[in-house]
Amino acid sequence: QYLKAAGVICDRTVTIPNAASKEDLLVVHTKKYLKSLKCSLNVAYIAELPPLCLVPNYFVQIGYLRPMRYQTGGSILAGKLALERGWAINIGGGFHHCCSEKGGGFCPYADITLLIQFVFNNFPQKVKNVLIVDLDAHQGNGYERDFIDNENVYIMDVYNRQIYPYDHKAKVAINRRVELLNYTADEEYLRKVDQNLVKALREFKPDLIVYNAGTDILDGDPLGQLSVSAQGIIQRDEIVFSKARQNRIPIIMLTSGGYMKKTAKIIANSIINLRDKELIKGPAKRY
């Protein structure tokens, strides 16, 4: 709504994804895990909504999981569009706590693993190496578990080490780990993001960047517990897109976590800023 009001998008310029099908999900997920989602108790655990365990699974599928499958389909589609256009933004997705065999932290599907696997499978000549830049406040333990032994995926994860998920096993997969403390604010946060992204791009030459752009770093967010301002989030997104454009690397942005009503407006303002700075205008011309 905000982006439409600002004239950034209209119904004609938005690409609507299909919901990820069972066949799509099985590219990464186990049959056992998908079957477990037919139990409302299991879904309630993942969604962290205890009352959901009392809801018939038919309604859980329609009201909760089906919208999540559309967001997952959006992430997969964003991979294809980014290679065609140089960039793509899924206003949703970023379910970075879900791996192939286990969900959690509001994340029922491993959309980041899925989109990367789809790109590897369908565009093997274009994409051999993928860089994940995860700037959500939480550690991205889901895809980290999936790519723990994959040398073609480089992971840069900047997160608050004092909050969920405390997944020490998954940390082994992180190539560039930046652990923050509660209430880290703009100056320190932006400096660390900028410096570490520069170092990551020196160490690894990606053909695609998957940017998990959670806004739960916002000051006052009840789950992120960091103290980054709204302007800091806009600057952060500009840093990441600038580096992608300078290096002519296609980039996908997923909006991931954010647990305050005002974050929707901040995301819109950030995308408007990217448009105004011409960071999402035209293709990257790499391919």
Protein backbone atom coordinates (compact mmCIF):
# COMPACT_ATOMS: atom_id res chain seq x y z
CA GLN A 1 0.00 0.00 0.00
CA TYR A 2 2.78 2.46 0.92
CA LEU A 3 4.75 1.62 -2.23
CA LYS A 4 1.66 2.00 -4.39
CA ALA A 5 0.86 5.37 -2.81
CA ALA A 6 4.43 6.51 -3.53
CA GLY A 7 4.10 5.44 -7.18
CA VAL A 8 6.94 2.92 -6.90
CA ILE A 9 4.77 -0.02 -7.93
CA CYS A 10 1.36 -0.77 -9.37
CA ASP A 11 -0.55 -3.97 -10.07
CA ARG A 12 1.01 -4.07 -13.54
CA THR A 13 4.62 -3.98 -12.30
CA VAL A 14 4.36 -6.57 -9.53
CA THR A 15 5.05 -10.21 -10.34
CA ILE A 16 2.68 -12.48 -8.41
CA PRO A 17 4.17 -15.86 -7.46
CA ASN A 18 2.51 -19.24 -7.33
CA ALA A 19 2.37 -21.01 -4.01
CA ALA A 20 5.24 -23.47 -3.61
CA SER A 21 3.86 -26.91 -4.45
CA LYS A 22 4.62 -30.15 -2.61
CA GLU A 23 6.91 -31.09 -5.49
CA ASP A 24 8.75 -27.76 -5.09
CA LEU A 25 9.12 -28.22 -1.34
CA LEU A 26 10.47 -31.76 -1.73
CA VAL A 27 13.50 -30.35 -3.54
CA VAL A 28 14.77 -29.54 -0.03
CA HIS A 29 12.31 -30.76 2.60
CA THR A 30 11.97 -34.37 3.70
CA LYS A 31 8.65 -36.16 3.27
CA LYS A 32 8.65 -36.77 7.01
CA TYR A 33 8.86 -33.04 7.76
CA LEU A 34 6.09 -32.08 5.33
CA LYS A 35 3.90 -34.81 6.78
CA SER A 36 4.51 -33.38 10.28
CA LEU A 37 2.86 -30.12 9.18
CA LYS A 38 -0.44 -32.00 8.92
CA CYS A 39 -0.49 -32.00 12.73
CA SER A 40 -1.70 -28.70 14.18
CA LEU A 41 0.37 -29.24 17.33
CA ASN A 42 3.58 -29.28 15.28
CA VAL A 43 2.57 -26.15 13.39
CA ALA A 44 1.66 -24.39 16.65
CA TYR A 45 5.19 -25.10 17.91
CA ILE A 46 6.76 -23.64 14.76
CA ALA A 47 4.48 -20.60 14.71
CA GLU A 48 4.88 -20.13 18.48
CA LEU A 49 1.09 -19.82 18.75
CA PRO A 50 -0.11 -22.39 21.33
CA PRO A 51 -3.85 -21.88 20.58
CA LEU A 52 -3.18 -23.08 17.02
CA CYS A 53 -2.89 -26.65 18.29
CA LEU A 54 -6.65 -26.59 18.92
CA VAL A 55 -7.51 -25.54 15.38
CA PRO A 56 -8.41 -28.28 12.84
CA ASN A 57 -5.47 -28.76 10.50
CA TYR A 58 -7.57 -27.95 7.42
CA PHE A 59 -7.93 -24.37 8.67
CA VAL A 60 -4.27 -24.24 9.70
CA GLN A 61 -3.32 -25.19 6.14
CA ILE A 62 -5.63 -22.58 4.58
CA GLY A 63 -5.10 -19.73 7.04
CA TYR A 64 -1.43 -20.08 7.96
CA LEU A 65 0.58 -22.50 5.83
CA ARG A 66 -0.91 -21.59 2.45
CA PRO A 67 0.10 -17.89 2.76
CA MET A 68 3.54 -19.08 3.85
CA ARG A 69 3.77 -21.22 0.70
CA TYR A 70 3.00 -18.13 -1.39
CA GLN A 71 5.84 -16.26 0.34
CA THR A 72 8.10 -19.25 -0.28
CA GLY A 73 7.08 -19.28 -3.95
CA GLY A 74 7.93 -15.58 -4.01
CA SER A 75 11.45 -16.25 -2.77
CA ILE A 76 12.00 -18.94 -5.41
CA LEU A 77 10.63 -16.69 -8.15
CA ALA A 78 12.83 -13.82 -6.91
CA GLY A 79 15.87 -15.94 -7.73
CA LYS A 80 14.84 -16.23 -11.38
CA LEU A 81 13.86 -12.55 -11.64
CA ALA A 82 17.12 -11.34 -10.07
CA LEU A 83 19.11 -13.20 -12.71
CA GLU A 84 16.96 -11.68 -15.46
CA ARG A 85 16.77 -8.11 -14.11
CA GLY A 86 19.71 -7.72 -11.74
CA TRP A 87 17.58 -7.47 -8.59
CA ALA A 88 14.34 -8.65 -7.04
CA ILE A 89 12.56 -7.92 -3.77
CA ASN A 90 10.14 -10.36 -2.18
CA ILE A 91 7.95 -8.44 0.25
CA GLY A 92 7.88 -11.48 2.50
CA GLY A 93 9.95 -14.63 2.92
CA GLY A 94 13.25 -14.90 4.72
CA PHE A 95 12.26 -17.92 6.85
CA HIS A 96 15.82 -18.40 8.04
CA HIS A 97 15.09 -20.61 11.07
CA CYS A 98 13.72 -23.48 8.98
CA CYS A 99 15.97 -26.19 7.57
CA SER A 100 15.17 -29.24 5.45
CA GLU A 101 13.87 -31.34 8.34
CA LYS A 102 12.83 -28.88 11.04
CA GLY A 103 10.91 -25.61 11.35
CA GLY A 104 10.91 -23.06 14.15
CA GLY A 105 10.88 -19.37 15.03
CA PHE A 106 7.77 -18.60 12.91
CA CYS A 107 9.43 -20.32 9.91
CA PRO A 108 7.60 -23.36 8.46
CA TYR A 109 9.43 -23.58 5.10
CA ALA A 110 13.12 -23.26 4.21
CA ASP A 111 12.62 -20.66 1.48
CA ILE A 112 16.24 -19.47 1.49
CA THR A 113 17.58 -22.99 0.99
CA LEU A 114 14.90 -23.62 -1.62
CA LEU A 115 15.60 -20.53 -3.71
CA ILE A 116 19.35 -21.21 -3.70
CA GLN A 117 18.86 -24.87 -4.62
CA PHE A 118 16.46 -23.91 -7.43
CA VAL A 119 19.01 -21.45 -8.82
CA PHE A 120 21.79 -24.05 -8.64
CA ASN A 121 19.56 -26.64 -10.32
CA ASN A 122 18.09 -24.43 -13.05
CA PHE A 123 20.88 -21.96 -13.82
CA PRO A 124 24.08 -24.00 -13.33
CA GLN A 125 26.02 -22.03 -15.95
CA LYS A 126 25.10 -18.66 -14.45
CA VAL A 127 25.27 -19.39 -10.73
CA LYS A 128 27.97 -21.48 -9.13
CA ASN A 129 28.51 -19.43 -5.94
CA VAL A 130 25.96 -17.69 -3.71
CA LEU A 131 26.57 -15.21 -0.90
CA ILE A 132 23.97 -15.03 1.89
CA VAL A 133 24.00 -11.70 3.75
CA ASP A 134 21.76 -12.17 6.78
CA LEU A 135 21.09 -8.93 8.65
CA ASP A 136 18.02 -10.03 10.57
CA ALA A 137 18.53 -9.64 14.32
CA HIS A 138 18.50 -13.43 14.78
CA GLN A 139 21.03 -16.04 13.71
CA GLY A 140 19.96 -17.73 10.47
CA ASN A 141 20.35 -21.25 11.78
CA GLY A 142 18.00 -22.97 9.31
CA TYR A 143 19.86 -22.50 6.01
CA GLU A 144 23.14 -22.68 7.96
CA ARG A 145 22.35 -26.28 8.86
CA ASP A 146 21.41 -27.01 5.24
CA PHE A 147 24.61 -25.55 3.77
CA ILE A 148 27.03 -26.52 6.53
CA ASP A 149 29.27 -28.51 4.13
CA ASN A 150 28.62 -26.55 0.93
CA GLU A 151 31.65 -24.55 -0.22
CA ASN A 152 29.61 -22.83 -2.93
CA VAL A 153 27.54 -20.95 -0.36
CA TYR A 154 29.27 -18.26 1.71
CA ILE A 155 27.39 -17.04 4.77
CA MET A 156 27.76 -13.64 6.42
CA ASP A 157 25.50 -13.44 9.47
CA VAL A 158 25.23 -10.34 11.67
CA TYR A 159 23.01 -11.05 14.68
CA ASN A 160 22.32 -10.45 18.35
CA ARG A 161 24.04 -13.32 20.14
CA GLN A 162 21.94 -12.78 23.27
CA ILE A 163 18.64 -13.90 21.73
CA TYR A 164 17.07 -16.95 20.00
CA PRO A 165 18.10 -19.41 18.55
CA TYR A 166 21.47 -20.04 20.31
CA ASP A 167 22.26 -22.70 17.68
CA HIS A 168 25.95 -23.44 18.21
CA LYS A 169 26.02 -26.34 15.76
CA ALA A 170 24.74 -24.11 12.94
CA LYS A 171 27.39 -21.45 13.68
CA VAL A 172 30.01 -23.77 12.19
CA ALA A 173 28.56 -22.96 8.75
CA ILE A 174 29.04 -19.18 9.10
CA ASN A 175 32.02 -17.89 7.10
CA ARG A 176 31.84 -14.35 8.46
CA ARG A 177 30.20 -14.20 11.86
CA VAL A 178 29.42 -10.84 13.48
CA GLU A 179 27.89 -11.25 16.94
CA LEU A 180 26.25 -8.20 18.49
CA LEU A 181 25.12 -7.40 22.02
CA ASN A 182 21.71 -6.09 23.10
CA TYR A 183 21.05 -2.45 22.23
CA THR A 184 23.74 -2.13 19.56
CA ALA A 185 22.94 1.15 17.76
CA ASP A 186 23.47 2.77 14.34
CA GLU A 187 27.14 3.78 14.37
CA GLU A 188 28.56 0.43 15.49
CA TYR A 189 26.02 -1.60 13.53
CA LEU A 190 26.49 0.14 10.18
CA ARG A 191 30.27 0.17 10.53
CA LYS A 192 30.36 -3.58 11.15
CA VAL A 193 27.97 -4.34 8.30
CA ASP A 194 29.97 -2.22 5.84
CA GLN A 195 33.41 -3.49 6.88
CA ASN A 196 32.43 -7.15 6.97
CA LEU A 197 30.59 -7.04 3.65
CA VAL A 198 33.68 -5.55 2.00
CA LYS A 199 35.80 -8.36 3.49
CA ALA A 200 33.27 -11.02 2.46
CA LEU A 201 33.35 -9.82 -1.15
CA ARG A 202 37.15 -9.95 -1.12
CA GLU A 203 37.15 -13.51 0.19
CA PHE A 204 34.37 -14.85 -2.03
CA LYS A 205 33.21 -14.07 -5.57
CA PRO A 206 29.45 -14.72 -5.70
CA ASP A 207 27.26 -14.93 -8.77
CA LEU A 208 24.22 -14.02 -6.67
CA ILE A 209 23.55 -12.33 -3.31
CA VAL A 210 20.64 -13.41 -1.13
CA TYR A 211 20.00 -10.56 1.31
CA ASN A 212 17.88 -11.38 4.36
CA ALA A 213 16.83 -7.88 5.39
CA GLY A 214 15.02 -8.29 8.70
CA THR A 215 13.77 -5.09 10.33
CA ASP A 216 13.72 -6.59 13.83
CA ILE A 217 16.97 -4.70 14.43
CA LEU A 218 14.77 -1.61 14.94
CA ASP A 219 15.02 0.16 18.28
CA GLY A 220 12.14 -1.07 20.44
CA ASP A 221 11.52 -4.33 18.59
CA PRO A 222 10.47 -6.77 21.34
CA LEU A 223 12.28 -9.76 19.81
CA GLY A 224 15.39 -8.27 18.20
CA GLN A 225 16.50 -6.20 21.22
CA LEU A 226 18.82 -4.01 19.16
CA SER A 227 18.68 -0.21 18.88
CA VAL A 228 19.05 0.63 15.19
CA SER A 229 16.99 3.61 14.03
CA ALA A 230 14.62 3.71 11.06
CA GLN A 231 17.20 5.77 9.16
CA GLY A 232 19.83 3.22 10.11
CA ILE A 233 17.79 0.46 8.42
CA ILE A 234 17.48 2.57 5.28
CA GLN A 235 21.25 3.18 5.29
CA ARG A 236 21.90 -0.53 5.86
CA ASP A 237 19.86 -1.57 2.83
CA GLU A 238 21.58 1.09 0.74
CA ILE A 239 25.01 -0.25 1.78
CA VAL A 240 24.13 -3.79 0.71
CA PHE A 241 22.55 -2.81 -2.61
CA SER A 242 25.40 -0.39 -3.38
CA LYS A 243 27.98 -3.16 -2.92
CA ALA A 244 25.94 -5.49 -5.14
CA ARG A 245 25.62 -2.90 -7.89
CA GLN A 246 29.28 -1.83 -7.70
CA ASN A 247 30.32 -5.45 -8.18
CA ARG A 248 27.58 -6.17 -10.74
CA ILE A 249 26.15 -9.01 -8.70
CA PRO A 250 22.40 -9.79 -8.95
CA ILE A 251 20.70 -9.43 -5.58
CA ILE A 252 17.54 -10.79 -3.96
CA MET A 253 16.08 -9.04 -0.91
CA LEU A 254 13.76 -10.87 1.51
CA THR A 255 12.06 -8.85 4.24
CA SER A 256 12.25 -11.53 6.97
CA GLY A 257 11.62 -10.59 10.65
CA GLY A 258 10.12 -7.40 12.05
CA TYR A 259 7.67 -7.34 14.94
CA MET A 260 6.42 -3.76 15.17
CA LYS A 261 3.59 -2.30 13.13
CA LYS A 262 5.70 0.63 11.96
CA THR A 263 8.25 -1.60 10.23
CA ALA A 264 6.04 -1.85 7.13
CA LYS A 265 6.45 1.89 6.55
CA ILE A 266 10.21 1.66 7.14
CA ILE A 267 10.56 -1.16 4.58
CA ALA A 268 8.60 0.92 2.07
CA ASN A 269 10.74 4.00 2.75
CA SER A 270 13.89 1.94 2.29
CA ILE A 271 12.71 0.59 -1.07
CA ILE A 272 11.76 4.14 -2.12
CA ASN A 273 15.29 5.24 -1.17
CA LEU A 274 16.79 2.41 -3.24
CA ARG A 275 14.66 3.59 -6.17
CA ASP A 276 15.67 7.23 -5.66
CA LYS A 277 19.36 6.29 -5.52
CA GLU A 278 18.85 4.24 -8.72
CA LEU A 279 20.01 1.07 -6.97
CA ILE A 280 16.97 -0.85 -8.21
CA LYS A 281 16.73 0.66 -11.67
CA GLY A 282 17.52 -1.50 -14.67
CA PRO A 283 19.54 -4.71 -14.89
CA ALA A 284 22.98 -5.32 -13.40
CA LYS A 285 24.17 -6.32 -16.93
CA ARG A 286 26.33 -9.13 -15.62
CA TYR A 287 24.82 -11.77 -17.91
